[in-house]
Amino acid sequence: MVNRALRLREEAEVREARARGKAYADGPLVARVLATDTGQNRYAVVAGKRVGKAVQRNRCKRLVREAIRHLHPRLCPGYDVVIIVRGGVEELTGLDVAVNSLERIANKAKLIQL
């Protein structure tokens, strides 16, 4: 799981990142990335009712949070990232799919540190 200090918890902050952030999509995930001056990355994972019932939504969110935990040390700091799950359990079948999709999104957004 992602450390609580690295989560976007305020609804207003999530709304701002979704509204003003640049969108990057890959497979079952869409990321909205907004540059900030906080000096660290903060993350939120959103799954709507189109993803499925509560059990499926929560599974997808857990997979994405675990993928973020693996990817976080390699990302450039100073961004609010909202990840929106748009595919269901059929598309987001496991952790490897989530990690690969997030890595491709991070490369598109130029968030990976060299």
PDB file of N, CA and C in Angstrom:
ATOM      1  N   MET A   1       0.835  -1.190   0.000  1.00  0.00           N
ATOM      2  CA  MET A   1       0.000   0.000   0.000  1.00  0.00           C
ATOM      3  C   MET A   1       0.878   1.251   0.000  1.00  0.00           C
ATOM      4  N   VAL A   2       0.308   2.302  -0.504  1.00  0.00           N
ATOM      5  CA  VAL A   2       0.998   3.574  -0.548  1.00  0.00           C
ATOM      6  C   VAL A   2       0.944   4.204   0.842  1.00  0.00           C
ATOM      7  N   ASN A   3       2.067   4.747   1.288  1.00  0.00           N
ATOM      8  CA  ASN A   3       2.137   5.408   2.580  1.00  0.00           C
ATOM      9  C   ASN A   3       1.091   6.522   2.643  1.00  0.00           C
ATOM     10  N   ARG A   4       0.453   6.700   3.780  1.00  0.00           N
ATOM     11  CA  ARG A   4      -0.611   7.699   3.919  1.00  0.00           C
ATOM     12  C   ARG A   4      -0.117   9.116   3.645  1.00  0.00           C
ATOM     13  N   ALA A   5       1.135   9.389   3.922  1.00  0.00           N
ATOM     14  CA  ALA A   5       1.679  10.730   3.661  1.00  0.00           C
ATOM     15  C   ALA A   5       1.762  11.019   2.166  1.00  0.00           C
ATOM     16  N   LEU A   6       1.738   9.977   1.344  1.00  0.00           N
ATOM     17  CA  LEU A   6       1.840  10.142  -0.106  1.00  0.00           C
ATOM     18  C   LEU A   6       0.482  10.121  -0.790  1.00  0.00           C
ATOM     19  N   ARG A   7      -0.606  10.199  -0.034  1.00  0.00           N
ATOM     20  CA  ARG A   7      -1.939  10.148  -0.629  1.00  0.00           C
ATOM     21  C   ARG A   7      -2.568  11.526  -0.698  1.00  0.00           C
ATOM     22  N   LEU A   8      -3.300  11.754  -1.762  1.00  0.00           N
ATOM     23  CA  LEU A   8      -4.151  12.940  -1.869  1.00  0.00           C
ATOM     24  C   LEU A   8      -5.444  12.580  -1.150  1.00  0.00           C
ATOM     25  N   ARG A   9      -5.720  13.219  -0.028  1.00  0.00           N
ATOM     26  CA  ARG A   9      -6.885  12.823   0.742  1.00  0.00           C
ATOM     27  C   ARG A   9      -8.010  13.848   0.701  1.00  0.00           C
ATOM     28  N   GLU A  10      -7.680  15.087   0.422  1.00  0.00           N
ATOM     29  CA  GLU A  10      -8.714  16.119   0.370  1.00  0.00           C
ATOM     30  C   GLU A  10      -9.430  16.069  -0.968  1.00  0.00           C
ATOM     31  N   GLU A  11     -10.747  16.098  -0.932  1.00  0.00           N
ATOM     32  CA  GLU A  11     -11.537  16.025  -2.156  1.00  0.00           C
ATOM     33  C   GLU A  11     -11.242  17.197  -3.082  1.00  0.00           C
ATOM     34  N   ALA A  12     -11.011  18.373  -2.511  1.00  0.00           N
ATOM     35  CA  ALA A  12     -10.723  19.554  -3.332  1.00  0.00           C
ATOM     36  C   ALA A  12      -9.407  19.391  -4.091  1.00  0.00           C
ATOM     37  N   GLU A  13      -8.410  18.776  -3.463  1.00  0.00           N
ATOM     38  CA  GLU A  13      -7.130  18.547  -4.130  1.00  0.00           C
ATOM     39  C   GLU A  13      -7.271  17.545  -5.269  1.00  0.00           C
ATOM     40  N   VAL A  14      -8.068  16.511  -5.058  1.00  0.00           N
ATOM     41  CA  VAL A  14      -8.292  15.513  -6.104  1.00  0.00           C
ATOM     42  C   VAL A  14      -9.035  16.162  -7.271  1.00  0.00           C
ATOM     43  N   ARG A  15     -10.051  16.973  -6.962  1.00  0.00           N
ATOM     44  CA  ARG A  15     -10.798  17.666  -8.018  1.00  0.00           C
ATOM     45  C   ARG A  15      -9.904  18.600  -8.823  1.00  0.00           C
ATOM     46  N   GLU A  16      -9.030  19.313  -8.132  1.00  0.00           N
ATOM     47  CA  GLU A  16      -8.138  20.237  -8.833  1.00  0.00           C
ATOM     48  C   GLU A  16      -7.186  19.483  -9.753  1.00  0.00           C
ATOM     49  N   ALA A  17      -6.628  18.385  -9.277  1.00  0.00           N
ATOM     50  CA  ALA A  17      -5.720  17.591 -10.111  1.00  0.00           C
ATOM     51  C   ALA A  17      -6.461  16.991 -11.300  1.00  0.00           C
ATOM     52  N   ARG A  18      -7.704  16.574 -11.096  1.00  0.00           N
ATOM     53  CA  ARG A  18      -8.473  16.018 -12.214  1.00  0.00           C
ATOM     54  C   ARG A  18      -8.855  17.101 -13.215  1.00  0.00           C
ATOM     55  N   ALA A  19      -9.119  18.287 -12.745  1.00  0.00           N
ATOM     56  CA  ALA A  19      -9.559  19.365 -13.634  1.00  0.00           C
ATOM     57  C   ALA A  19      -8.386  20.015 -14.371  1.00  0.00           C
ATOM     58  N   ARG A  20      -7.294  20.284 -13.663  1.00  0.00           N
ATOM     59  CA  ARG A  20      -6.184  21.038 -14.248  1.00  0.00           C
ATOM     60  C   ARG A  20      -5.017  20.179 -14.703  1.00  0.00           C
ATOM     61  N   GLY A  21      -4.986  18.910 -14.294  1.00  0.00           N
ATOM     62  CA  GLY A  21      -3.860  18.044 -14.633  1.00  0.00           C
ATOM     63  C   GLY A  21      -3.902  17.578 -16.078  1.00  0.00           C
ATOM     64  N   LYS A  22      -2.730  17.262 -16.602  1.00  0.00           N
ATOM     65  CA  LYS A  22      -2.625  16.743 -17.968  1.00  0.00           C
ATOM     66  C   LYS A  22      -2.909  15.243 -17.945  1.00  0.00           C
ATOM     67  N   ALA A  23      -3.694  14.781 -18.912  1.00  0.00           N
ATOM     68  CA  ALA A  23      -4.128  13.385 -18.934  1.00  0.00           C
ATOM     69  C   ALA A  23      -3.180  12.529 -19.775  1.00  0.00           C
ATOM     70  N   TYR A  24      -2.876  11.355 -19.258  1.00  0.00           N
ATOM     71  CA  TYR A  24      -2.092  10.339 -19.961  1.00  0.00           C
ATOM     72  C   TYR A  24      -2.815   9.016 -19.778  1.00  0.00           C
ATOM     73  N   ALA A  25      -3.086   8.322 -20.880  1.00  0.00           N
ATOM     74  CA  ALA A  25      -3.856   7.083 -20.808  1.00  0.00           C
ATOM     75  C   ALA A  25      -3.038   5.917 -21.347  1.00  0.00           C
ATOM     76  N   ASP A  26      -3.282   4.755 -20.781  1.00  0.00           N
ATOM     77  CA  ASP A  26      -2.702   3.523 -21.281  1.00  0.00           C
ATOM     78  C   ASP A  26      -3.549   2.363 -20.782  1.00  0.00           C
ATOM     79  N   GLY A  27      -4.149   1.638 -21.700  1.00  0.00           N
ATOM     80  CA  GLY A  27      -4.938   0.465 -21.336  1.00  0.00           C
ATOM     81  C   GLY A  27      -6.061   0.814 -20.384  1.00  0.00           C
ATOM     82  N   PRO A  28      -6.131   0.126 -19.251  1.00  0.00           N
ATOM     83  CA  PRO A  28      -7.251   0.332 -18.334  1.00  0.00           C
ATOM     84  C   PRO A  28      -7.080   1.518 -17.387  1.00  0.00           C
ATOM     85  N   LEU A  29      -5.991   2.280 -17.516  1.00  0.00           N
ATOM     86  CA  LEU A  29      -5.720   3.372 -16.582  1.00  0.00           C
ATOM     87  C   LEU A  29      -5.568   4.707 -17.302  1.00  0.00           C
ATOM     88  N   VAL A  30      -5.998   5.768 -16.620  1.00  0.00           N
ATOM     89  CA  VAL A  30      -5.772   7.142 -17.060  1.00  0.00           C
ATOM     90  C   VAL A  30      -5.166   7.866 -15.872  1.00  0.00           C
ATOM     91  N   ALA A  31      -4.106   8.634 -16.111  1.00  0.00           N
ATOM     92  CA  ALA A  31      -3.483   9.402 -15.037  1.00  0.00           C
ATOM     93  C   ALA A  31      -3.630  10.882 -15.341  1.00  0.00           C
ATOM     94  N   ARG A  32      -4.013  11.645 -14.348  1.00  0.00           N
ATOM     95  CA  ARG A  32      -4.028  13.099 -14.427  1.00  0.00           C
ATOM     96  C   ARG A  32      -2.867  13.582 -13.573  1.00  0.00           C
ATOM     97  N   VAL A  33      -1.927  14.300 -14.201  1.00  0.00           N
ATOM     98  CA  VAL A  33      -0.698  14.714 -13.536  1.00  0.00           C
ATOM     99  C   VAL A  33      -0.678  16.228 -13.438  1.00  0.00           C
ATOM    100  N   LEU A  34      -0.514  16.739 -12.227  1.00  0.00           N
ATOM    101  CA  LEU A  34      -0.472  18.175 -11.979  1.00  0.00           C
ATOM    102  C   LEU A  34       0.801  18.507 -11.209  1.00  0.00           C
ATOM    103  N   ALA A  35       1.613  19.407 -11.762  1.00  0.00           N
ATOM    104  CA  ALA A  35       2.846  19.829 -11.087  1.00  0.00           C
ATOM    105  C   ALA A  35       2.494  20.687  -9.870  1.00  0.00           C
ATOM    106  N   THR A  36       3.199  20.457  -8.775  1.00  0.00           N
ATOM    107  CA  THR A  36       2.989  21.229  -7.548  1.00  0.00           C
ATOM    108  C   THR A  36       4.335  21.643  -6.978  1.00  0.00           C
ATOM    109  N   ASP A  37       4.307  22.427  -5.942  1.00  0.00           N
ATOM    110  CA  ASP A  37       5.545  22.855  -5.289  1.00  0.00           C
ATOM    111  C   ASP A  37       5.706  22.213  -3.918  1.00  0.00           C
ATOM    112  N   THR A  38       5.072  21.050  -3.707  1.00  0.00           N
ATOM    113  CA  THR A  38       5.145  20.381  -2.406  1.00  0.00           C
ATOM    114  C   THR A  38       6.463  19.651  -2.188  1.00  0.00           C
ATOM    115  N   GLY A  39       7.181  19.335  -3.262  1.00  0.00           N
ATOM    116  CA  GLY A  39       8.453  18.655  -3.122  1.00  0.00           C
ATOM    117  C   GLY A  39       8.340  17.146  -3.025  1.00  0.00           C
ATOM    118  N   GLN A  40       7.124  16.633  -3.046  1.00  0.00           N
ATOM    119  CA  GLN A  40       6.933  15.183  -3.044  1.00  0.00           C
ATOM    120  C   GLN A  40       5.722  14.851  -3.901  1.00  0.00           C
ATOM    121  N   ASN A  41       5.634  13.611  -4.309  1.00  0.00           N
ATOM    122  CA  ASN A  41       4.481  13.168  -5.082  1.00  0.00           C
ATOM    123  C   ASN A  41       3.366  12.734  -4.140  1.00  0.00           C
ATOM    124  N   ARG A  42       2.142  13.023  -4.571  1.00  0.00           N
ATOM    125  CA  ARG A  42       0.975  12.552  -3.839  1.00  0.00           C
ATOM    126  C   ARG A  42       0.055  11.871  -4.849  1.00  0.00           C
ATOM    127  N   TYR A  43      -0.614  10.802  -4.397  1.00  0.00           N
ATOM    128  CA  TYR A  43      -1.380   9.967  -5.312  1.00  0.00           C
ATOM    129  C   TYR A  43      -2.801   9.765  -4.808  1.00  0.00           C
ATOM    130  N   ALA A  44      -3.725   9.605  -5.763  1.00  0.00           N
ATOM    131  CA  ALA A  44      -5.094   9.194  -5.473  1.00  0.00           C
ATOM    132  C   ALA A  44      -5.508   8.214  -6.558  1.00  0.00           C
ATOM    133  N   VAL A  45      -6.307   7.229  -6.173  1.00  0.00           N
ATOM    134  CA  VAL A  45      -6.808   6.236  -7.123  1.00  0.00           C
ATOM    135  C   VAL A  45      -8.333   6.304  -7.080  1.00  0.00           C
ATOM    136  N   VAL A  46      -8.938   6.445  -8.278  1.00  0.00           N
ATOM    137  CA  VAL A  46     -10.379   6.595  -8.392  1.00  0.00           C
ATOM    138  C   VAL A  46     -10.905   5.491  -9.302  1.00  0.00           C
ATOM    139  N   ALA A  47     -11.967   4.822  -8.874  1.00  0.00           N
ATOM    140  CA  ALA A  47     -12.631   3.812  -9.704  1.00  0.00           C
ATOM    141  C   ALA A  47     -14.129   4.057  -9.620  1.00  0.00           C
ATOM    142  N   GLY A  48     -14.747   4.344 -10.747  1.00  0.00           N
ATOM    143  CA  GLY A  48     -16.179   4.620 -10.788  1.00  0.00           C
ATOM    144  C   GLY A  48     -16.997   3.349 -10.829  1.00  0.00           C
ATOM    145  N   LYS A  49     -18.309   3.518 -10.827  1.00  0.00           N
ATOM    146  CA  LYS A  49     -19.205   2.365 -10.799  1.00  0.00           C
ATOM    147  C   LYS A  49     -19.188   1.564 -12.086  1.00  0.00           C
ATOM    148  N   ARG A  50     -18.674   2.133 -13.188  1.00  0.00           N
ATOM    149  CA  ARG A  50     -18.571   1.378 -14.434  1.00  0.00           C
ATOM    150  C   ARG A  50     -17.556   0.243 -14.323  1.00  0.00           C
ATOM    151  N   VAL A  51     -16.633   0.346 -13.363  1.00  0.00           N
ATOM    152  CA  VAL A  51     -15.610  -0.690 -13.179  1.00  0.00           C
ATOM    153  C   VAL A  51     -16.251  -1.981 -12.680  1.00  0.00           C
ATOM    154  N   GLY A  52     -17.291  -1.871 -11.890  1.00  0.00           N
ATOM    155  CA  GLY A  52     -17.965  -3.052 -11.366  1.00  0.00           C
ATOM    156  C   GLY A  52     -18.531  -2.760  -9.991  1.00  0.00           C
ATOM    157  N   LYS A  53     -18.893  -3.811  -9.317  1.00  0.00           N
ATOM    158  CA  LYS A  53     -19.413  -3.658  -7.963  1.00  0.00           C
ATOM    159  C   LYS A  53     -18.263  -3.347  -7.007  1.00  0.00           C
ATOM    160  N   ALA A  54     -18.581  -3.137  -5.752  1.00  0.00           N
ATOM    161  CA  ALA A  54     -17.601  -2.662  -4.775  1.00  0.00           C
ATOM    162  C   ALA A  54     -16.387  -3.580  -4.664  1.00  0.00           C
ATOM    163  N   VAL A  55     -16.590  -4.878  -4.716  1.00  0.00           N
ATOM    164  CA  VAL A  55     -15.482  -5.813  -4.584  1.00  0.00           C
ATOM    165  C   VAL A  55     -14.498  -5.637  -5.739  1.00  0.00           C
ATOM    166  N   GLN A  56     -15.005  -5.515  -6.966  1.00  0.00           N
ATOM    167  CA  GLN A  56     -14.146  -5.350  -8.130  1.00  0.00           C
ATOM    168  C   GLN A  56     -13.447  -3.994  -8.101  1.00  0.00           C
ATOM    169  N   ARG A  57     -14.173  -2.942  -7.734  1.00  0.00           N
ATOM    170  CA  ARG A  57     -13.561  -1.603  -7.660  1.00  0.00           C
ATOM    171  C   ARG A  57     -12.429  -1.579  -6.647  1.00  0.00           C
ATOM    172  N   ASN A  58     -12.672  -2.152  -5.482  1.00  0.00           N
ATOM    173  CA  ASN A  58     -11.649  -2.146  -4.443  1.00  0.00           C
ATOM    174  C   ASN A  58     -10.444  -2.990  -4.837  1.00  0.00           C
ATOM    175  N   ARG A  59     -10.653  -4.104  -5.527  1.00  0.00           N
ATOM    176  CA  ARG A  59      -9.527  -4.920  -5.996  1.00  0.00           C
ATOM    177  C   ARG A  59      -8.675  -4.144  -6.985  1.00  0.00           C
ATOM    178  N   CYS A  60      -9.323  -3.467  -7.925  1.00  0.00           N
ATOM    179  CA  CYS A  60      -8.588  -2.670  -8.911  1.00  0.00           C
ATOM    180  C   CYS A  60      -7.796  -1.562  -8.229  1.00  0.00           C
ATOM    181  N   LYS A  61      -8.398  -0.902  -7.258  1.00  0.00           N
ATOM    182  CA  LYS A  61      -7.696   0.172  -6.552  1.00  0.00           C
ATOM    183  C   LYS A  61      -6.506  -0.371  -5.759  1.00  0.00           C
ATOM    184  N   ARG A  62      -6.660  -1.542  -5.142  1.00  0.00           N
ATOM    185  CA  ARG A  62      -5.540  -2.145  -4.408  1.00  0.00           C
ATOM    186  C   ARG A  62      -4.398  -2.495  -5.342  1.00  0.00           C
ATOM    187  N   LEU A  63      -4.708  -3.038  -6.514  1.00  0.00           N
ATOM    188  CA  LEU A  63      -3.667  -3.376  -7.487  1.00  0.00           C
ATOM    189  C   LEU A  63      -2.913  -2.127  -7.938  1.00  0.00           C
ATOM    190  N   VAL A  64      -3.643  -1.056  -8.210  1.00  0.00           N
ATOM    191  CA  VAL A  64      -3.000   0.176  -8.668  1.00  0.00           C
ATOM    192  C   VAL A  64      -2.154   0.790  -7.558  1.00  0.00           C
ATOM    193  N   ARG A  65      -2.645   0.771  -6.327  1.00  0.00           N
ATOM    194  CA  ARG A  65      -1.857   1.310  -5.209  1.00  0.00           C
ATOM    195  C   ARG A  65      -0.564   0.529  -5.013  1.00  0.00           C
ATOM    196  N   GLU A  66      -0.623  -0.775  -5.162  1.00  0.00           N
ATOM    197  CA  GLU A  66       0.587  -1.597  -5.030  1.00  0.00           C
ATOM    198  C   GLU A  66       1.556  -1.299  -6.168  1.00  0.00           C
ATOM    199  N   ALA A  67       1.042  -1.087  -7.371  1.00  0.00           N
ATOM    200  CA  ALA A  67       1.898  -0.729  -8.501  1.00  0.00           C
ATOM    201  C   ALA A  67       2.555   0.632  -8.268  1.00  0.00           C
ATOM    202  N   ILE A  68       1.824   1.555  -7.688  1.00  0.00           N
ATOM    203  CA  ILE A  68       2.401   2.869  -7.363  1.00  0.00           C
ATOM    204  C   ILE A  68       3.520   2.713  -6.346  1.00  0.00           C
ATOM    205  N   ARG A  69       3.309   1.857  -5.362  1.00  0.00           N
ATOM    206  CA  ARG A  69       4.332   1.646  -4.325  1.00  0.00           C
ATOM    207  C   ARG A  69       5.646   1.162  -4.943  1.00  0.00           C
ATOM    208  N   HIS A  70       5.567   0.294  -5.957  1.00  0.00           N
ATOM    209  CA  HIS A  70       6.776  -0.193  -6.626  1.00  0.00           C
ATOM    210  C   HIS A  70       7.413   0.888  -7.490  1.00  0.00           C
ATOM    211  N   LEU A  71       6.601   1.742  -8.075  1.00  0.00           N
ATOM    212  CA  LEU A  71       7.091   2.731  -9.033  1.00  0.00           C
ATOM    213  C   LEU A  71       7.532   4.040  -8.377  1.00  0.00           C
ATOM    214  N   HIS A  72       7.003   4.354  -7.211  1.00  0.00           N
ATOM    215  CA  HIS A  72       7.237   5.651  -6.560  1.00  0.00           C
ATOM    216  C   HIS A  72       8.710   6.042  -6.417  1.00  0.00           C
ATOM    217  N   PRO A  73       9.622   5.167  -5.995  1.00  0.00           N
ATOM    218  CA  PRO A  73      11.015   5.606  -5.818  1.00  0.00           C
ATOM    219  C   PRO A  73      11.694   6.072  -7.112  1.00  0.00           C
ATOM    220  N   ARG A  74      11.188   5.659  -8.265  1.00  0.00           N
ATOM    221  CA  ARG A  74      11.807   6.022  -9.539  1.00  0.00           C
ATOM    222  C   ARG A  74      11.208   7.279 -10.164  1.00  0.00           C
ATOM    223  N   LEU A  75      10.188   7.877  -9.547  1.00  0.00           N
ATOM    224  CA  LEU A  75       9.509   9.028 -10.134  1.00  0.00           C
ATOM    225  C   LEU A  75      10.098  10.350  -9.652  1.00  0.00           C
ATOM    226  N   CYS A  76      10.061  11.349 -10.527  1.00  0.00           N
ATOM    227  CA  CYS A  76      10.486  12.706 -10.163  1.00  0.00           C
ATOM    228  C   CYS A  76       9.510  13.270  -9.139  1.00  0.00           C
ATOM    229  N   PRO A  77       9.999  13.966  -8.103  1.00  0.00           N
ATOM    230  CA  PRO A  77       9.098  14.515  -7.082  1.00  0.00           C
ATOM    231  C   PRO A  77       8.437  15.814  -7.534  1.00  0.00           C
ATOM    232  N   GLY A  78       7.337  16.155  -6.878  1.00  0.00           N
ATOM    233  CA  GLY A  78       6.674  17.431  -7.090  1.00  0.00           C
ATOM    234  C   GLY A  78       5.420  17.355  -7.945  1.00  0.00           C
ATOM    235  N   TYR A  79       4.694  16.234  -7.895  1.00  0.00           N
ATOM    236  CA  TYR A  79       3.495  16.082  -8.718  1.00  0.00           C
ATOM    237  C   TYR A  79       2.352  15.501  -7.891  1.00  0.00           C
ATOM    238  N   ASP A  80       1.142  15.940  -8.216  1.00  0.00           N
ATOM    239  CA  ASP A  80      -0.069  15.277  -7.733  1.00  0.00           C
ATOM    240  C   ASP A  80      -0.559  14.405  -8.872  1.00  0.00           C
ATOM    241  N   VAL A  81      -0.758  13.132  -8.598  1.00  0.00           N
ATOM    242  CA  VAL A  81      -1.147  12.177  -9.637  1.00  0.00           C
ATOM    243  C   VAL A  81      -2.451  11.510  -9.211  1.00  0.00           C
ATOM    244  N   VAL A  82      -3.473  11.648 -10.057  1.00  0.00           N
ATOM    245  CA  VAL A  82      -4.746  10.966  -9.840  1.00  0.00           C
ATOM    246  C   VAL A  82      -4.866   9.896 -10.906  1.00  0.00           C
ATOM    247  N   ILE A  83      -4.971   8.638 -10.488  1.00  0.00           N
ATOM    248  CA  ILE A  83      -5.094   7.534 -11.420  1.00  0.00           C
ATOM    249  C   ILE A  83      -6.553   7.095 -11.429  1.00  0.00           C
ATOM    250  N   ILE A  84      -7.126   7.090 -12.625  1.00  0.00           N
ATOM    251  CA  ILE A  84      -8.522   6.730 -12.803  1.00  0.00           C
ATOM    252  C   ILE A  84      -8.567   5.355 -13.462  1.00  0.00           C
ATOM    253  N   VAL A  85      -9.233   4.419 -12.827  1.00  0.00           N
ATOM    254  CA  VAL A  85      -9.389   3.076 -13.371  1.00  0.00           C
ATOM    255  C   VAL A  85     -10.610   3.098 -14.279  1.00  0.00           C
ATOM    256  N   ARG A  86     -10.398   2.837 -15.559  1.00  0.00           N
ATOM    257  CA  ARG A  86     -11.532   2.849 -16.483  1.00  0.00           C
ATOM    258  C   ARG A  86     -11.851   1.467 -17.022  1.00  0.00           C
ATOM    259  N   GLY A  87     -10.967   0.517 -16.819  1.00  0.00           N
ATOM    260  CA  GLY A  87     -11.241  -0.862 -17.228  1.00  0.00           C
ATOM    261  C   GLY A  87     -11.607  -1.665 -15.997  1.00  0.00           C
ATOM    262  N   GLY A  88     -12.349  -2.708 -16.182  1.00  0.00           N
ATOM    263  CA  GLY A  88     -12.761  -3.534 -15.061  1.00  0.00           C
ATOM    264  C   GLY A  88     -11.732  -4.590 -14.712  1.00  0.00           C
ATOM    265  N   VAL A  89     -12.165  -5.563 -13.967  1.00  0.00           N
ATOM    266  CA  VAL A  89     -11.309  -6.660 -13.542  1.00  0.00           C
ATOM    267  C   VAL A  89     -10.859  -7.477 -14.756  1.00  0.00           C
ATOM    268  N   GLU A  90     -11.657  -7.450 -15.834  1.00  0.00           N
ATOM    269  CA  GLU A  90     -11.296  -8.197 -17.038  1.00  0.00           C
ATOM    270  C   GLU A  90     -10.035  -7.619 -17.677  1.00  0.00           C
ATOM    271  N   GLU A  91      -9.887  -6.293 -17.663  1.00  0.00           N
ATOM    272  CA  GLU A  91      -8.710  -5.650 -18.257  1.00  0.00           C
ATOM    273  C   GLU A  91      -7.550  -5.570 -17.282  1.00  0.00           C
ATOM    274  N   LEU A  92      -7.835  -5.262 -16.033  1.00  0.00           N
ATOM    275  CA  LEU A  92      -6.804  -5.124 -15.011  1.00  0.00           C
ATOM    276  C   LEU A  92      -6.716  -6.451 -14.264  1.00  0.00           C
ATOM    277  N   THR A  93      -6.094  -7.436 -14.917  1.00  0.00           N
ATOM    278  CA  THR A  93      -6.128  -8.804 -14.413  1.00  0.00           C
ATOM    279  C   THR A  93      -5.173  -9.071 -13.260  1.00  0.00           C
ATOM    280  N   GLY A  94      -4.099  -8.291 -13.162  1.00  0.00           N
ATOM    281  CA  GLY A  94      -3.143  -8.561 -12.093  1.00  0.00           C
ATOM    282  C   GLY A  94      -2.183  -7.405 -11.892  1.00  0.00           C
ATOM    283  N   LEU A  95      -1.274  -7.600 -10.960  1.00  0.00           N
ATOM    284  CA  LEU A  95      -0.318  -6.560 -10.620  1.00  0.00           C
ATOM    285  C   LEU A  95       0.609  -6.248 -11.782  1.00  0.00           C
ATOM    286  N   ASP A  96       1.000  -7.246 -12.553  1.00  0.00           N
ATOM    287  CA  ASP A  96       1.907  -7.003 -13.676  1.00  0.00           C
ATOM    288  C   ASP A  96       1.280  -6.078 -14.713  1.00  0.00           C
ATOM    289  N   VAL A  97      -0.009  -6.210 -14.959  1.00  0.00           N
ATOM    290  CA  VAL A  97      -0.703  -5.330 -15.907  1.00  0.00           C
ATOM    291  C   VAL A  97      -0.711  -3.905 -15.383  1.00  0.00           C
ATOM    292  N   ALA A  98      -0.984  -3.735 -14.084  1.00  0.00           N
ATOM    293  CA  ALA A  98      -1.022  -2.396 -13.487  1.00  0.00           C
ATOM    294  C   ALA A  98       0.363  -1.749 -13.510  1.00  0.00           C
ATOM    295  N   VAL A  99       1.403  -2.503 -13.173  1.00  0.00           N
ATOM    296  CA  VAL A  99       2.763  -1.956 -13.158  1.00  0.00           C
ATOM    297  C   VAL A  99       3.195  -1.546 -14.562  1.00  0.00           C
ATOM    298  N   ASN A 100       2.963  -2.410 -15.546  1.00  0.00           N
ATOM    299  CA  ASN A 100       3.351  -2.086 -16.919  1.00  0.00           C
ATOM    300  C   ASN A 100       2.603  -0.868 -17.441  1.00  0.00           C
ATOM    301  N   SER A 101       1.325  -0.784 -17.166  1.00  0.00           N
ATOM    302  CA  SER A 101       0.528   0.352 -17.621  1.00  0.00           C
ATOM    303  C   SER A 101       1.004   1.648 -16.969  1.00  0.00           C
ATOM    304  N   LEU A 102       1.268   1.612 -15.659  1.00  0.00           N
ATOM    305  CA  LEU A 102       1.748   2.817 -14.966  1.00  0.00           C
ATOM    306  C   LEU A 102       3.140   3.221 -15.437  1.00  0.00           C
ATOM    307  N   GLU A 103       3.997   2.259 -15.738  1.00  0.00           N
ATOM    308  CA  GLU A 103       5.329   2.593 -16.255  1.00  0.00           C
ATOM    309  C   GLU A 103       5.227   3.289 -17.605  1.00  0.00           C
ATOM    310  N   ARG A 104       4.348   2.797 -18.475  1.00  0.00           N
ATOM    311  CA  ARG A 104       4.173   3.449 -19.777  1.00  0.00           C
ATOM    312  C   ARG A 104       3.603   4.857 -19.610  1.00  0.00           C
ATOM    313  N   ILE A 105       2.679   5.029 -18.685  1.00  0.00           N
ATOM    314  CA  ILE A 105       2.120   6.361 -18.421  1.00  0.00           C
ATOM    315  C   ILE A 105       3.208   7.285 -17.889  1.00  0.00           C
ATOM    316  N   ALA A 106       4.031   6.801 -16.960  1.00  0.00           N
ATOM    317  CA  ALA A 106       5.109   7.622 -16.398  1.00  0.00           C
ATOM    318  C   ALA A 106       6.121   8.007 -17.468  1.00  0.00           C
ATOM    319  N   ASN A 107       6.395   7.111 -18.391  1.00  0.00           N
ATOM    320  CA  ASN A 107       7.303   7.448 -19.492  1.00  0.00           C
ATOM    321  C   ASN A 107       6.701   8.510 -20.399  1.00  0.00           C
ATOM    322  N   LYS A 108       5.417   8.398 -20.718  1.00  0.00           N
ATOM    323  CA  LYS A 108       4.744   9.407 -21.532  1.00  0.00           C
ATOM    324  C   LYS A 108       4.764  10.767 -20.857  1.00  0.00           C
ATOM    325  N   ALA A 109       4.550  10.774 -19.546  1.00  0.00           N
ATOM    326  CA  ALA A 109       4.494  12.025 -18.789  1.00  0.00           C
ATOM    327  C   ALA A 109       5.883  12.530 -18.408  1.00  0.00           C
ATOM    328  N   LYS A 110       6.920  11.768 -18.740  1.00  0.00           N
ATOM    329  CA  LYS A 110       8.306  12.118 -18.412  1.00  0.00           C
ATOM    330  C   LYS A 110       8.513  12.293 -16.900  1.00  0.00           C
ATOM    331  N   LEU A 111       7.967  11.336 -16.156  1.00  0.00           N
ATOM    332  CA  LEU A 111       8.089  11.358 -14.699  1.00  0.00           C
ATOM    333  C   LEU A 111       9.197  10.453 -14.188  1.00  0.00           C
ATOM    334  N   ILE A 112       9.745   9.593 -15.040  1.00  0.00           N
ATOM    335  CA  ILE A 112      10.776   8.641 -14.610  1.00  0.00           C
ATOM    336  C   ILE A 112      12.107   9.362 -14.507  1.00  0.00           C
ATOM    337  N   GLN A 113      12.780   9.212 -13.355  1.00  0.00           N
ATOM    338  CA  GLN A 113      14.110   9.789 -13.193  1.00  0.00           C
ATOM    339  C   GLN A 113      15.134   8.931 -13.901  1.00  0.00           C
ATOM    340  N   LEU A 114      16.110   9.570 -14.492  1.00  0.00           N
ATOM    341  CA  LEU A 114      17.170   8.817 -15.176  1.00  0.00           C
ATOM    342  C   LEU A 114      18.351   8.604 -14.276  1.00  0.00           C
TER     343      LEU A 114
END
